[in-house]
Amino acid sequence: MTTSTLTAARLSQLDQADFVPALDGIFEHSPWVAGRAWSRGPFADREALLGTLVGTMQAAPRSDQLALIRAHPELAGKAAVRGELTRESTREQAGAGLAACTQEEFELIQALNAAYNARFGFPFIIAVRGLTRGDIIAAMQRRLGNPDEVEFAEALTQIARIAALRREERVDRKSVV
């Protein structure tokens, strides 16, 4: 069984020990989200699955949410340079052109990453699919001015968007029959 052929119906039949790895990577380095969501099945369709996963993330204690946020890599950061990103993050960042930054763009993104992390204590997170490097840089600059609580909530919103995009690739549209 490959994750690309999973349906919500099939996921609903898995025990927790198989369910969690089947959804590995939907939430960056955070299997606890799927682990906690498992007991809330069965899932009528992939929208219900996503709603349960995101609801689990949103209901988690702030310390767990912060750990989830901090599990995300910096955009065009050191992990990317060293080739240490997850398969999903590598593909997403490359798709946004971050692997093809000019030296000037790379230095600007590095400076913005450092300023953002110093300001908020976690990496800048944005669902990069469909965005250009310019869009991402503009968002980084704009969001640096957000109040702490607004930016914490925005990071979780962006994680939910990333999870939705990753779920689209991993879970078929078929619903429970």
C-alpha atoms as a PDB file:
ATOM      1  CA  MET A   1       0.000   0.000   0.000  1.00  0.00           C
ATOM      2  CA  THR A   2       1.397   3.412  -0.928  1.00  0.00           C
ATOM      3  CA  THR A   3       0.269   6.649   0.631  1.00  0.00           C
ATOM      4  CA  SER A   4      -0.743   8.012  -2.767  1.00  0.00           C
ATOM      5  CA  THR A   5      -3.550   5.416  -2.993  1.00  0.00           C
ATOM      6  CA  LEU A   6      -4.967   5.860   0.486  1.00  0.00           C
ATOM      7  CA  THR A   7      -8.575   6.881   0.927  1.00  0.00           C
ATOM      8  CA  ALA A   8     -10.222   8.231   4.040  1.00  0.00           C
ATOM      9  CA  ALA A   9     -12.095   4.929   4.208  1.00  0.00           C
ATOM     10  CA  ARG A  10      -8.864   2.939   4.164  1.00  0.00           C
ATOM     11  CA  LEU A  11      -7.240   5.250   6.705  1.00  0.00           C
ATOM     12  CA  SER A  12     -10.256   4.792   8.965  1.00  0.00           C
ATOM     13  CA  GLN A  13      -9.626   1.030   8.977  1.00  0.00           C
ATOM     14  CA  LEU A  14      -6.013   1.333  10.115  1.00  0.00           C
ATOM     15  CA  ASP A  15      -4.964   0.884  13.692  1.00  0.00           C
ATOM     16  CA  GLN A  16      -3.090   3.782  15.253  1.00  0.00           C
ATOM     17  CA  ALA A  17       0.297   2.133  14.697  1.00  0.00           C
ATOM     18  CA  ASP A  18      -0.323   2.149  10.922  1.00  0.00           C
ATOM     19  CA  PHE A  19      -2.403   5.339  10.723  1.00  0.00           C
ATOM     20  CA  VAL A  20       0.325   7.618  12.066  1.00  0.00           C
ATOM     21  CA  PRO A  21       3.057   6.594   9.576  1.00  0.00           C
ATOM     22  CA  ALA A  22       0.525   6.599   6.721  1.00  0.00           C
ATOM     23  CA  LEU A  23       0.142  10.348   7.292  1.00  0.00           C
ATOM     24  CA  ASP A  24       3.828  11.002   7.954  1.00  0.00           C
ATOM     25  CA  GLY A  25       4.943  14.331   6.532  1.00  0.00           C
ATOM     26  CA  ILE A  26       1.548  16.011   6.392  1.00  0.00           C
ATOM     27  CA  PHE A  27       2.541  17.847   9.580  1.00  0.00           C
ATOM     28  CA  GLU A  28       6.290  18.515   9.544  1.00  0.00           C
ATOM     29  CA  HIS A  29       8.131  16.228  11.993  1.00  0.00           C
ATOM     30  CA  SER A  30       5.003  16.078  14.191  1.00  0.00           C
ATOM     31  CA  PRO A  31       3.435  12.604  14.211  1.00  0.00           C
ATOM     32  CA  TRP A  32       1.579  13.509  17.397  1.00  0.00           C
ATOM     33  CA  VAL A  33      -1.067  15.325  15.312  1.00  0.00           C
ATOM     34  CA  ALA A  34      -2.092  12.136  13.475  1.00  0.00           C
ATOM     35  CA  GLY A  35      -1.633  10.109  16.658  1.00  0.00           C
ATOM     36  CA  ARG A  36      -4.147  12.222  18.543  1.00  0.00           C
ATOM     37  CA  ALA A  37      -6.552  12.519  15.592  1.00  0.00           C
ATOM     38  CA  TRP A  38      -6.750   8.758  15.031  1.00  0.00           C
ATOM     39  CA  SER A  39      -9.278   8.151  17.820  1.00  0.00           C
ATOM     40  CA  ARG A  40     -11.668  10.684  16.256  1.00  0.00           C
ATOM     41  CA  GLY A  41     -12.226   8.499  13.166  1.00  0.00           C
ATOM     42  CA  PRO A  42     -13.771   7.072  11.095  1.00  0.00           C
ATOM     43  CA  PHE A  43     -13.351   9.787   8.485  1.00  0.00           C
ATOM     44  CA  ALA A  44     -16.163  10.169   5.947  1.00  0.00           C
ATOM     45  CA  ASP A  45     -13.864  11.713   3.353  1.00  0.00           C
ATOM     46  CA  ARG A  46     -10.577  13.527   3.013  1.00  0.00           C
ATOM     47  CA  GLU A  47     -12.167  16.841   4.046  1.00  0.00           C
ATOM     48  CA  ALA A  48     -13.334  15.285   7.303  1.00  0.00           C
ATOM     49  CA  LEU A  49      -9.864  13.834   7.811  1.00  0.00           C
ATOM     50  CA  LEU A  50      -8.255  17.235   7.270  1.00  0.00           C
ATOM     51  CA  GLY A  51     -10.768  18.905   9.573  1.00  0.00           C
ATOM     52  CA  THR A  52      -9.957  16.408  12.295  1.00  0.00           C
ATOM     53  CA  LEU A  53      -6.205  16.809  11.849  1.00  0.00           C
ATOM     54  CA  VAL A  54      -6.380  20.613  11.869  1.00  0.00           C
ATOM     55  CA  GLY A  55      -8.817  20.589  14.793  1.00  0.00           C
ATOM     56  CA  THR A  56      -6.397  18.379  16.703  1.00  0.00           C
ATOM     57  CA  MET A  57      -3.576  20.834  16.005  1.00  0.00           C
ATOM     58  CA  GLN A  58      -5.719  23.808  17.055  1.00  0.00           C
ATOM     59  CA  ALA A  59      -6.885  22.105  20.278  1.00  0.00           C
ATOM     60  CA  ALA A  60      -3.353  21.142  21.316  1.00  0.00           C
ATOM     61  CA  PRO A  61      -1.645  22.893  24.205  1.00  0.00           C
ATOM     62  CA  ARG A  62       0.313  25.963  23.162  1.00  0.00           C
ATOM     63  CA  SER A  63       3.595  24.204  23.962  1.00  0.00           C
ATOM     64  CA  ASP A  64       2.768  21.474  21.424  1.00  0.00           C
ATOM     65  CA  GLN A  65       1.712  24.061  18.855  1.00  0.00           C
ATOM     66  CA  LEU A  66       4.992  25.918  19.367  1.00  0.00           C
ATOM     67  CA  ALA A  67       6.939  22.672  18.935  1.00  0.00           C
ATOM     68  CA  LEU A  68       5.028  22.053  15.685  1.00  0.00           C
ATOM     69  CA  ILE A  69       5.834  25.555  14.432  1.00  0.00           C
ATOM     70  CA  ARG A  70       9.489  25.141  15.366  1.00  0.00           C
ATOM     71  CA  ALA A  71       9.614  21.780  13.543  1.00  0.00           C
ATOM     72  CA  HIS A  72       9.351  23.681  10.236  1.00  0.00           C
ATOM     73  CA  PRO A  73      12.537  24.637   8.423  1.00  0.00           C
ATOM     74  CA  GLU A  74      13.504  28.162   7.513  1.00  0.00           C
ATOM     75  CA  LEU A  75      12.782  29.034   3.912  1.00  0.00           C
ATOM     76  CA  ALA A  76      15.992  28.743   1.888  1.00  0.00           C
ATOM     77  CA  GLY A  77      17.724  28.197   5.224  1.00  0.00           C
ATOM     78  CA  LYS A  78      20.666  26.167   6.444  1.00  0.00           C
ATOM     79  CA  ALA A  79      18.759  22.871   6.318  1.00  0.00           C
ATOM     80  CA  ALA A  80      17.946  23.499   2.655  1.00  0.00           C
ATOM     81  CA  VAL A  81      21.565  24.327   1.866  1.00  0.00           C
ATOM     82  CA  ARG A  82      22.715  21.132   3.618  1.00  0.00           C
ATOM     83  CA  GLY A  83      20.023  19.046   1.873  1.00  0.00           C
ATOM     84  CA  GLU A  84      18.341  18.167   5.173  1.00  0.00           C
ATOM     85  CA  LEU A  85      14.758  19.141   4.363  1.00  0.00           C
ATOM     86  CA  THR A  86      11.973  16.595   4.258  1.00  0.00           C
ATOM     87  CA  ARG A  87      10.968  15.395   0.816  1.00  0.00           C
ATOM     88  CA  GLU A  88       7.808  17.513   1.045  1.00  0.00           C
ATOM     89  CA  SER A  89       9.629  20.716   2.079  1.00  0.00           C
ATOM     90  CA  THR A  90      12.309  20.233  -0.570  1.00  0.00           C
ATOM     91  CA  ARG A  91       9.683  19.908  -3.303  1.00  0.00           C
ATOM     92  CA  GLU A  92       7.622  22.853  -2.021  1.00  0.00           C
ATOM     93  CA  GLN A  93      10.572  25.228  -1.656  1.00  0.00           C
ATOM     94  CA  ALA A  94      11.964  24.254  -5.064  1.00  0.00           C
ATOM     95  CA  GLY A  95       8.519  24.761  -6.606  1.00  0.00           C
ATOM     96  CA  ALA A  96       8.476  28.326  -5.282  1.00  0.00           C
ATOM     97  CA  GLY A  97      11.886  28.955  -6.828  1.00  0.00           C
ATOM     98  CA  LEU A  98      13.700  29.181  -3.511  1.00  0.00           C
ATOM     99  CA  ALA A  99      16.348  26.744  -4.728  1.00  0.00           C
ATOM    100  CA  ALA A 100      17.132  29.201  -7.547  1.00  0.00           C
ATOM    101  CA  CYS A 101      17.551  32.401  -5.527  1.00  0.00           C
ATOM    102  CA  THR A 102      20.031  34.975  -6.699  1.00  0.00           C
ATOM    103  CA  GLN A 103      22.770  35.720  -4.165  1.00  0.00           C
ATOM    104  CA  GLU A 104      20.985  38.971  -3.309  1.00  0.00           C
ATOM    105  CA  GLU A 105      17.624  37.198  -2.761  1.00  0.00           C
ATOM    106  CA  PHE A 106      19.275  34.476  -0.713  1.00  0.00           C
ATOM    107  CA  GLU A 107      21.002  37.032   1.535  1.00  0.00           C
ATOM    108  CA  LEU A 108      17.759  38.997   1.940  1.00  0.00           C
ATOM    109  CA  ILE A 109      15.798  35.863   2.851  1.00  0.00           C
ATOM    110  CA  GLN A 110      18.525  34.875   5.317  1.00  0.00           C
ATOM    111  CA  ALA A 111      18.378  38.320   6.943  1.00  0.00           C
ATOM    112  CA  LEU A 112      14.579  38.201   7.091  1.00  0.00           C
ATOM    113  CA  ASN A 113      14.676  34.674   8.556  1.00  0.00           C
ATOM    114  CA  ALA A 114      17.066  35.867  11.279  1.00  0.00           C
ATOM    115  CA  ALA A 115      14.990  38.959  12.073  1.00  0.00           C
ATOM    116  CA  TYR A 116      11.769  36.960  12.134  1.00  0.00           C
ATOM    117  CA  ASN A 117      13.160  34.234  14.384  1.00  0.00           C
ATOM    118  CA  ALA A 118      14.678  36.837  16.723  1.00  0.00           C
ATOM    119  CA  ARG A 119      11.338  38.662  16.890  1.00  0.00           C
ATOM    120  CA  PHE A 120       9.004  35.680  17.314  1.00  0.00           C
ATOM    121  CA  GLY A 121      11.172  32.764  18.464  1.00  0.00           C
ATOM    122  CA  PHE A 122      10.155  30.455  15.615  1.00  0.00           C
ATOM    123  CA  PRO A 123      10.707  30.237  11.857  1.00  0.00           C
ATOM    124  CA  PHE A 124       8.650  32.109   9.298  1.00  0.00           C
ATOM    125  CA  ILE A 125       6.060  29.726   7.844  1.00  0.00           C
ATOM    126  CA  ILE A 126       4.094  30.194   4.664  1.00  0.00           C
ATOM    127  CA  ALA A 127       2.421  27.773   2.277  1.00  0.00           C
ATOM    128  CA  VAL A 128       4.692  28.521  -0.685  1.00  0.00           C
ATOM    129  CA  ARG A 129       2.801  26.684  -3.436  1.00  0.00           C
ATOM    130  CA  GLY A 130       1.740  29.176  -6.083  1.00  0.00           C
ATOM    131  CA  LEU A 131       3.936  31.958  -4.686  1.00  0.00           C
ATOM    132  CA  THR A 132       7.019  33.520  -6.221  1.00  0.00           C
ATOM    133  CA  ARG A 133      10.199  34.430  -4.376  1.00  0.00           C
ATOM    134  CA  GLY A 134       9.024  38.043  -4.510  1.00  0.00           C
ATOM    135  CA  ASP A 135       5.673  37.113  -2.931  1.00  0.00           C
ATOM    136  CA  ILE A 136       7.457  35.248  -0.158  1.00  0.00           C
ATOM    137  CA  ILE A 137       9.918  38.073   0.541  1.00  0.00           C
ATOM    138  CA  ALA A 138       7.068  40.609   0.635  1.00  0.00           C
ATOM    139  CA  ALA A 139       5.124  38.417   3.082  1.00  0.00           C
ATOM    140  CA  MET A 140       8.179  38.044   5.296  1.00  0.00           C
ATOM    141  CA  GLN A 141       8.682  41.810   5.376  1.00  0.00           C
ATOM    142  CA  ARG A 142       4.998  42.500   6.046  1.00  0.00           C
ATOM    143  CA  ARG A 143       4.553  39.848   8.727  1.00  0.00           C
ATOM    144  CA  LEU A 144       7.589  41.032  10.699  1.00  0.00           C
ATOM    145  CA  GLY A 145       5.349  43.894  11.844  1.00  0.00           C
ATOM    146  CA  ASN A 146       2.599  41.645  13.221  1.00  0.00           C
ATOM    147  CA  PRO A 147       1.921  41.428  16.954  1.00  0.00           C
ATOM    148  CA  ASP A 148       3.179  38.191  18.535  1.00  0.00           C
ATOM    149  CA  GLU A 149      -0.243  36.559  18.967  1.00  0.00           C
ATOM    150  CA  VAL A 150      -1.319  37.450  15.433  1.00  0.00           C
ATOM    151  CA  GLU A 151       1.829  35.894  14.020  1.00  0.00           C
ATOM    152  CA  PHE A 152       1.512  32.757  16.163  1.00  0.00           C
ATOM    153  CA  ALA A 153      -2.029  32.282  14.841  1.00  0.00           C
ATOM    154  CA  GLU A 154      -0.854  33.002  11.276  1.00  0.00           C
ATOM    155  CA  ALA A 155       1.860  30.358  11.580  1.00  0.00           C
ATOM    156  CA  LEU A 156      -0.790  27.790  12.554  1.00  0.00           C
ATOM    157  CA  THR A 157      -3.023  28.935   9.682  1.00  0.00           C
ATOM    158  CA  GLN A 158      -0.143  28.469   7.261  1.00  0.00           C
ATOM    159  CA  ILE A 159       0.591  25.011   8.703  1.00  0.00           C
ATOM    160  CA  ALA A 160      -3.053  24.075   8.124  1.00  0.00           C
ATOM    161  CA  ARG A 161      -2.731  25.241   4.485  1.00  0.00           C
ATOM    162  CA  ILE A 162       0.446  23.213   4.036  1.00  0.00           C
ATOM    163  CA  ALA A 163      -1.271  20.167   5.554  1.00  0.00           C
ATOM    164  CA  ALA A 164      -4.232  20.601   3.175  1.00  0.00           C
ATOM    165  CA  LEU A 165      -1.927  20.709   0.167  1.00  0.00           C
ATOM    166  CA  ARG A 166       0.035  17.690   1.328  1.00  0.00           C
ATOM    167  CA  ARG A 167      -3.174  15.806   2.080  1.00  0.00           C
ATOM    168  CA  GLU A 168      -4.364  16.437  -1.490  1.00  0.00           C
ATOM    169  CA  GLU A 169      -1.312  14.594  -2.752  1.00  0.00           C
ATOM    170  CA  ARG A 170      -1.586  11.714  -0.330  1.00  0.00           C
ATOM    171  CA  VAL A 171      -5.268  10.911   0.179  1.00  0.00           C
ATOM    172  CA  ASP A 172      -7.645  10.082  -2.665  1.00  0.00           C
ATOM    173  CA  ARG A 173     -10.975  11.871  -3.024  1.00  0.00           C
ATOM    174  CA  LYS A 174     -13.010   8.668  -2.608  1.00  0.00           C
ATOM    175  CA  SER A 175     -15.231   8.679   0.432  1.00  0.00           C
ATOM    176  CA  VAL A 176     -16.492   5.946   2.711  1.00  0.00           C
ATOM    177  CA  VAL A 177     -18.958   3.705   0.889  1.00  0.00           C
END
